[in-house]
């Protein structure tokens, strides 16, 4: 396995673990902070942290005029839209289910990549998508009555998945400047603006009580890990892999999300969830490991 593939695997594992643990972390913080205020704080602090890291790494933060509108669109889709919708989605449905519904994203990303980027969907990606989406279908069919009786959570989480997929394809569609840390700082920082406006207009954060120490600690983990580290890693991964492959690799996230939600939040770990997760693990292994072996051979 060459160096670039080793780096890609490390990035996938980092994103899978940190973004997976982020699901119960967000649910915990939302018990104290309302969603707009929570996202405004996370995006603002995360954007500043990424900007500081980019400057220490010698990356210029200046963004050329021709990239500004596309960057705003990519930020609103990939960061703002996905994160805000997942925050509301977790208030409407069980966290473990929300995490799995959100990861229909690879299906939408693969279809959009084929339609707008001309990416070829080879047999390995087709099988991987079938396995991954089949796992999601197992989960949904096991408790279909909930989604028919209370469809809001499902619809919101599906919207989050489509938003992230569209942003991923937009990031892949352009020839961005080769500054991944600065690019991730822009993606996160731009999203702080509409989140702060929503918080000021709808939640009046100055009236809220200061959060307790455990919430502050989990918030610090959220900003440093899932926001700063993961969005930087995701920006690099998108540059290294086809959009559809990068998207399928994220199916590791709901595995960690569901298991950690079961342990930390007490979400019931049912047979259908285990079956769904098994299919998702097979999906990720197929799209990542098989091409590496073929290349080595």
Protein backbone atom coordinates (compact mmCIF):
# COMPACT_ATOMS: atom_id res chain seq x y z
CA UNK A 1 0.00 0.00 0.00
CA UNK A 2 1.56 3.30 -1.06
CA UNK A 3 1.91 6.35 1.18
CA UNK A 4 -1.11 8.22 -0.26
CA UNK A 5 -3.41 5.27 0.42
CA UNK A 6 -2.06 4.92 3.97
CA UNK A 7 -2.83 8.60 4.55
CA UNK A 8 -6.34 8.09 3.12
CA UNK A 9 -6.98 5.14 5.47
CA UNK A 10 -5.76 7.18 8.49
CA UNK A 11 -8.05 10.04 7.52
CA UNK A 12 -11.02 7.69 7.11
CA UNK A 13 -10.43 6.12 10.53
CA UNK A 14 -9.97 9.52 12.19
CA UNK A 15 -13.17 10.86 10.67
CA UNK A 16 -15.07 7.65 11.46
CA UNK A 17 -14.13 7.63 15.15
CA UNK A 18 -14.44 11.36 15.92
CA UNK A 19 -17.56 12.06 13.86
CA UNK A 20 -19.07 8.82 15.18
CA UNK A 21 -18.50 9.85 18.81
CA UNK A 22 -19.87 13.27 17.89
CA UNK A 23 -23.43 11.92 17.64
CA UNK A 24 -23.90 11.21 21.37
CA UNK A 25 -21.81 14.31 22.18
CA UNK A 26 -24.19 16.56 20.24
CA UNK A 27 -27.24 14.92 21.82
CA UNK A 28 -25.73 15.57 25.27
CA UNK A 29 -25.01 19.25 24.58
CA UNK A 30 -28.47 19.79 23.05
CA UNK A 31 -29.91 18.91 26.46
CA UNK A 32 -28.55 22.27 27.67
CA UNK A 33 -27.98 24.51 24.63
CA UNK A 34 -30.60 25.11 21.91
CA UNK A 35 -29.54 24.10 18.36
CA UNK A 36 -28.91 27.52 16.76
CA UNK A 37 -26.82 28.74 19.71
CA UNK A 38 -24.93 25.46 19.89
CA UNK A 39 -24.02 25.53 16.21
CA UNK A 40 -23.10 29.24 16.29
CA UNK A 41 -20.64 28.64 19.13
CA UNK A 42 -19.19 25.49 17.53
CA UNK A 43 -18.74 27.03 14.08
CA UNK A 44 -17.33 30.29 15.44
CA UNK A 45 -14.80 28.65 17.75
CA UNK A 46 -13.97 25.90 15.25
CA UNK A 47 -13.44 28.38 12.42
CA UNK A 48 -11.07 30.49 14.53
CA UNK A 49 -9.15 27.38 15.62
CA UNK A 50 -8.77 26.18 12.03
CA UNK A 51 -7.68 29.65 10.89
CA UNK A 52 -5.02 29.77 13.62
CA UNK A 53 -3.75 26.28 12.71
CA UNK A 54 -3.66 27.21 9.00
CA UNK A 55 -1.59 30.31 9.74
CA UNK A 56 0.83 28.32 11.93
CA UNK A 57 1.18 25.85 9.04
CA UNK A 58 2.10 28.72 6.73
CA UNK A 59 -1.13 28.69 4.71
CA UNK A 60 -2.53 31.98 3.49
CA UNK A 61 -6.16 32.63 4.40
CA UNK A 62 -6.86 35.00 1.51
CA UNK A 63 -9.57 33.67 -0.82
CA UNK A 64 -9.62 34.83 -4.41
CA UNK A 65 -12.78 36.56 -5.57
CA UNK A 66 -13.68 33.80 -8.05
CA UNK A 67 -13.80 31.25 -5.21
CA UNK A 68 -15.90 33.25 -2.74
CA UNK A 69 -19.45 32.50 -3.90
CA UNK A 70 -18.74 28.79 -4.52
CA UNK A 71 -17.13 28.61 -1.06
CA UNK A 72 -20.20 30.15 0.54
CA UNK A 73 -22.43 27.63 -1.27
CA UNK A 74 -20.18 24.71 -0.26
CA UNK A 75 -20.13 25.91 3.35
CA UNK A 76 -23.90 26.30 3.57
CA UNK A 77 -24.42 22.79 2.17
CA UNK A 78 -21.57 20.78 3.68
CA UNK A 79 -21.28 22.38 7.12
CA UNK A 80 -24.22 24.64 7.95
CA UNK A 81 -27.06 22.69 6.33
CA UNK A 82 -25.90 19.26 7.42
CA UNK A 83 -25.05 20.20 11.02
CA UNK A 84 -28.14 22.30 11.67
CA UNK A 85 -30.47 19.67 10.25
CA UNK A 86 -28.78 16.89 12.23
CA UNK A 87 -29.15 18.95 15.42
CA UNK A 88 -32.90 19.29 14.87
CA UNK A 89 -33.10 15.69 13.65
CA UNK A 90 -31.68 14.39 16.93
CA UNK A 91 -34.39 16.29 18.78
CA UNK A 92 -37.00 14.47 16.69
CA UNK A 93 -35.73 10.88 16.65
CA UNK A 94 -33.39 8.49 18.46
CA UNK A 95 -29.72 9.43 18.01
CA UNK A 96 -28.62 6.01 16.77
CA UNK A 97 -31.35 6.02 14.10
CA UNK A 98 -30.58 9.61 13.15
CA UNK A 99 -26.92 8.70 12.61
CA UNK A 100 -27.79 5.86 10.25
CA UNK A 101 -30.43 7.80 8.29
CA UNK A 102 -27.90 10.61 7.72
CA UNK A 103 -25.60 8.16 5.98
CA UNK A 104 -27.79 7.63 3.01
CA UNK A 105 -25.45 10.47 1.98
CA UNK A 106 -23.11 8.18 -0.03
CA UNK A 107 -25.98 7.13 -2.30
CA UNK A 108 -26.87 10.74 -3.09
CA UNK A 109 -23.19 11.69 -3.50
CA UNK A 110 -22.55 8.79 -5.89
CA UNK A 111 -25.58 9.68 -8.01
CA UNK A 112 -24.71 13.40 -8.05
CA UNK A 113 -21.06 12.61 -8.87
CA UNK A 114 -22.13 10.50 -11.84
CA UNK A 115 -24.57 13.18 -13.04
CA UNK A 116 -22.47 16.32 -12.52
CA UNK A 117 -18.83 15.19 -12.36
CA UNK A 118 -18.95 12.32 -14.84
CA UNK A 119 -17.48 9.88 -12.31
CA UNK A 120 -17.79 6.26 -13.34
CA UNK A 121 -19.63 4.07 -10.85
CA UNK A 122 -17.68 0.82 -11.12
CA UNK A 123 -18.85 -2.59 -9.99
CA UNK A 124 -17.07 -2.29 -6.62
CA UNK A 125 -18.90 0.97 -5.84
CA UNK A 126 -22.22 -0.49 -6.99
CA UNK A 127 -21.84 -3.48 -4.66
CA UNK A 128 -20.65 -1.22 -1.85
CA UNK A 129 -23.64 1.08 -2.27
CA UNK A 130 -26.05 -1.86 -2.40
CA UNK A 131 -24.59 -3.23 0.84
CA UNK A 132 -24.62 0.15 2.56
CA UNK A 133 -28.10 1.12 1.49
CA UNK A 134 -29.33 -2.39 2.25
CA UNK A 135 -28.11 -1.93 5.80
CA UNK A 136 -30.07 1.28 6.07
CA UNK A 137 -33.14 -0.43 4.63
CA UNK A 138 -32.91 -3.16 7.30
CA UNK A 139 -32.92 -0.51 9.98
CA UNK A 140 -35.82 1.47 8.55
CA UNK A 141 -38.01 -1.56 7.79
CA UNK A 142 -37.54 -2.91 11.29
CA UNK A 143 -39.44 0.06 12.72
CA UNK A 144 -41.35 1.43 9.76
CA UNK A 145 -44.40 2.42 11.80
CA UNK A 146 -42.38 5.08 13.62
CA UNK A 147 -41.40 6.78 10.37
CA UNK A 148 -44.98 6.71 9.04
CA UNK A 149 -46.49 7.99 12.29
CA UNK A 150 -43.75 10.59 13.01
CA UNK A 151 -42.00 11.29 9.70
CA UNK A 152 -40.44 14.66 10.68
CA UNK A 153 -37.24 13.13 12.08
CA UNK A 154 -36.73 10.95 9.02
CA UNK A 155 -37.37 13.83 6.60
CA UNK A 156 -35.03 16.22 8.44
CA UNK A 157 -32.22 13.65 8.57
CA UNK A 158 -32.69 12.78 4.91
CA UNK A 159 -32.43 16.49 4.12
CA UNK A 160 -29.16 16.58 6.07
CA UNK A 161 -27.81 13.69 3.99
CA UNK A 162 -28.71 15.36 0.68
CA UNK A 163 -27.22 18.67 1.85
CA UNK A 164 -23.88 17.08 2.73
CA UNK A 165 -23.80 15.09 -0.51
CA UNK A 166 -24.42 18.19 -2.63
CA UNK A 167 -21.70 20.10 -0.78
CA UNK A 168 -19.25 17.22 -1.23
CA UNK A 169 -19.85 17.16 -4.99
CA UNK A 170 -19.47 20.95 -5.16
CA UNK A 171 -16.14 20.77 -3.31
CA UNK A 172 -14.94 18.12 -5.75
CA UNK A 173 -16.21 19.97 -8.81
CA UNK A 174 -13.87 22.98 -8.48
CA UNK A 175 -10.13 23.43 -8.65
CA UNK A 176 -9.57 25.01 -5.24
CA UNK A 177 -6.27 26.52 -4.09
CA UNK A 178 -4.00 23.84 -2.56
CA UNK A 179 -4.52 24.98 1.04
CA UNK A 180 -6.68 22.39 2.81
CA UNK A 181 -6.50 23.90 6.31
CA UNK A 182 -7.38 27.38 5.09
CA UNK A 183 -10.18 25.92 2.97
CA UNK A 184 -11.65 24.08 5.95
CA UNK A 185 -11.38 27.28 8.05
CA UNK A 186 -13.50 29.08 5.46
CA UNK A 187 -16.04 26.24 5.28
CA UNK A 188 -16.58 26.23 9.04
CA UNK A 189 -16.21 29.99 9.63
CA UNK A 190 -18.76 31.02 6.99
CA UNK A 191 -21.36 28.76 8.59
CA UNK A 192 -21.00 30.63 11.89
CA UNK A 193 -22.68 33.71 10.36
CA UNK A 194 -26.16 32.29 9.56
CA UNK A 195 -26.03 30.16 12.74
CA UNK A 196 -25.34 33.27 14.86
CA UNK A 197 -28.14 35.18 13.11
CA UNK A 198 -30.56 32.33 13.83
CA UNK A 199 -29.47 32.19 17.47
CA UNK A 200 -29.89 35.95 17.98
CA UNK A 201 -33.30 36.07 16.29
CA UNK A 202 -34.84 32.84 17.59
CA UNK A 203 -33.15 31.79 20.83
CA UNK A 204 -31.89 34.99 22.53
CA UNK A 205 -28.71 33.34 23.88
CA UNK A 206 -28.06 36.18 26.36
CA UNK A 207 -31.02 34.86 28.40
CA UNK A 208 -29.55 31.34 28.75
CA UNK A 209 -27.87 30.10 31.91
CA UNK A 210 -24.12 29.29 31.68
CA UNK A 211 -23.69 25.59 30.79
CA UNK A 212 -22.34 23.25 33.51
CA UNK A 213 -18.77 21.95 33.41
CA UNK A 214 -19.59 18.57 31.76
CA UNK A 215 -21.35 20.34 28.89
CA UNK A 216 -18.38 22.71 28.48
CA UNK A 217 -16.00 19.71 28.39
CA UNK A 218 -18.08 17.90 25.74
CA UNK A 219 -18.38 21.15 23.79
CA UNK A 220 -14.58 21.48 23.81
CA UNK A 221 -14.28 17.92 22.42
CA UNK A 222 -16.84 18.78 19.74
CA UNK A 223 -15.01 21.93 18.61
CA UNK A 224 -11.48 20.45 18.63
CA UNK A 225 -12.28 16.99 17.25
CA UNK A 226 -15.40 16.74 15.08
CA UNK A 227 -15.34 20.38 13.92
CA UNK A 228 -11.66 21.33 13.56
CA UNK A 229 -9.82 18.04 13.04
CA UNK A 230 -12.54 16.25 11.06
CA UNK A 231 -13.38 19.05 8.65
CA UNK A 232 -9.67 19.53 7.94
CA UNK A 233 -9.33 15.77 7.37
CA UNK A 234 -12.49 15.71 5.22
CA UNK A 235 -11.17 18.54 3.02
CA UNK A 236 -7.93 16.61 2.45
CA UNK A 237 -9.82 13.37 1.79
CA UNK A 238 -12.04 15.01 -0.82
CA UNK A 239 -8.92 16.24 -2.62
CA UNK A 240 -7.36 12.75 -2.62
CA UNK A 241 -10.32 10.52 -3.51
CA UNK A 242 -13.23 10.59 -5.97
CA UNK A 243 -16.29 12.17 -4.36
CA UNK A 244 -18.29 8.94 -4.42
CA UNK A 245 -15.43 6.94 -2.83
CA UNK A 246 -14.89 9.54 -0.11
CA UNK A 247 -18.63 9.55 0.60
CA UNK A 248 -18.84 5.77 0.89
CA UNK A 249 -15.86 5.81 3.28
CA UNK A 250 -17.94 7.88 5.72
CA UNK A 251 -20.20 4.89 6.33
CA UNK A 252 -17.81 4.01 9.16
CA UNK A 253 -19.25 6.95 11.08
CA UNK A 254 -22.70 5.51 11.88
CA UNK A 255 -21.06 2.32 13.17
CA UNK A 256 -19.24 4.31 15.84
CA UNK A 257 -22.25 6.60 16.28
CA UNK A 258 -24.72 3.79 16.92
CA UNK A 259 -22.44 1.84 19.25
CA UNK A 260 -21.40 4.93 21.24
CA UNK A 261 -25.03 6.09 21.47
CA UNK A 262 -25.95 2.71 22.87
CA UNK A 263 -23.20 2.88 25.51
CA UNK A 264 -23.37 6.59 26.40
CA UNK A 265 -27.05 7.43 25.85
CA UNK A 266 -28.71 4.08 26.50
CA UNK A 267 -30.12 3.69 22.97
CA UNK A 268 -31.31 0.11 22.54
CA UNK A 269 -28.94 -1.99 20.44
CA UNK A 270 -31.38 -4.22 18.54
CA UNK A 271 -30.73 -7.09 16.16
CA UNK A 272 -31.80 -4.94 13.22
CA UNK A 273 -29.24 -2.28 14.16
CA UNK A 274 -26.49 -4.89 14.41
CA UNK A 275 -27.47 -6.35 11.03
CA UNK A 276 -27.49 -2.87 9.47
CA UNK A 277 -24.09 -2.06 10.92
CA UNK A 278 -22.65 -5.36 9.68
CA UNK A 279 -23.73 -4.57 6.13
CA UNK A 280 -22.29 -1.07 6.41
CA UNK A 281 -18.92 -2.38 7.63
CA UNK A 282 -18.85 -4.78 4.67
CA UNK A 283 -19.70 -1.86 2.38
CA UNK A 284 -16.76 0.20 3.62
CA UNK A 285 -14.35 -2.73 3.51
CA UNK A 286 -15.33 -3.53 -0.06
CA UNK A 287 -14.80 -0.03 -1.44
CA UNK A 288 -11.55 0.62 0.46
CA UNK A 289 -9.70 -2.70 0.82
CA UNK A 290 -10.44 -4.38 -2.51
CA UNK A 291 -8.99 -1.58 -4.70
CA UNK A 292 -5.84 -1.53 -2.52
CA UNK A 293 -5.29 -5.28 -3.00
CA UNK A 294 -5.86 -4.99 -6.73
CA UNK A 295 -3.35 -2.13 -6.91
CA UNK A 296 -0.77 -4.10 -4.91
CA UNK A 297 -1.22 -7.12 -7.13
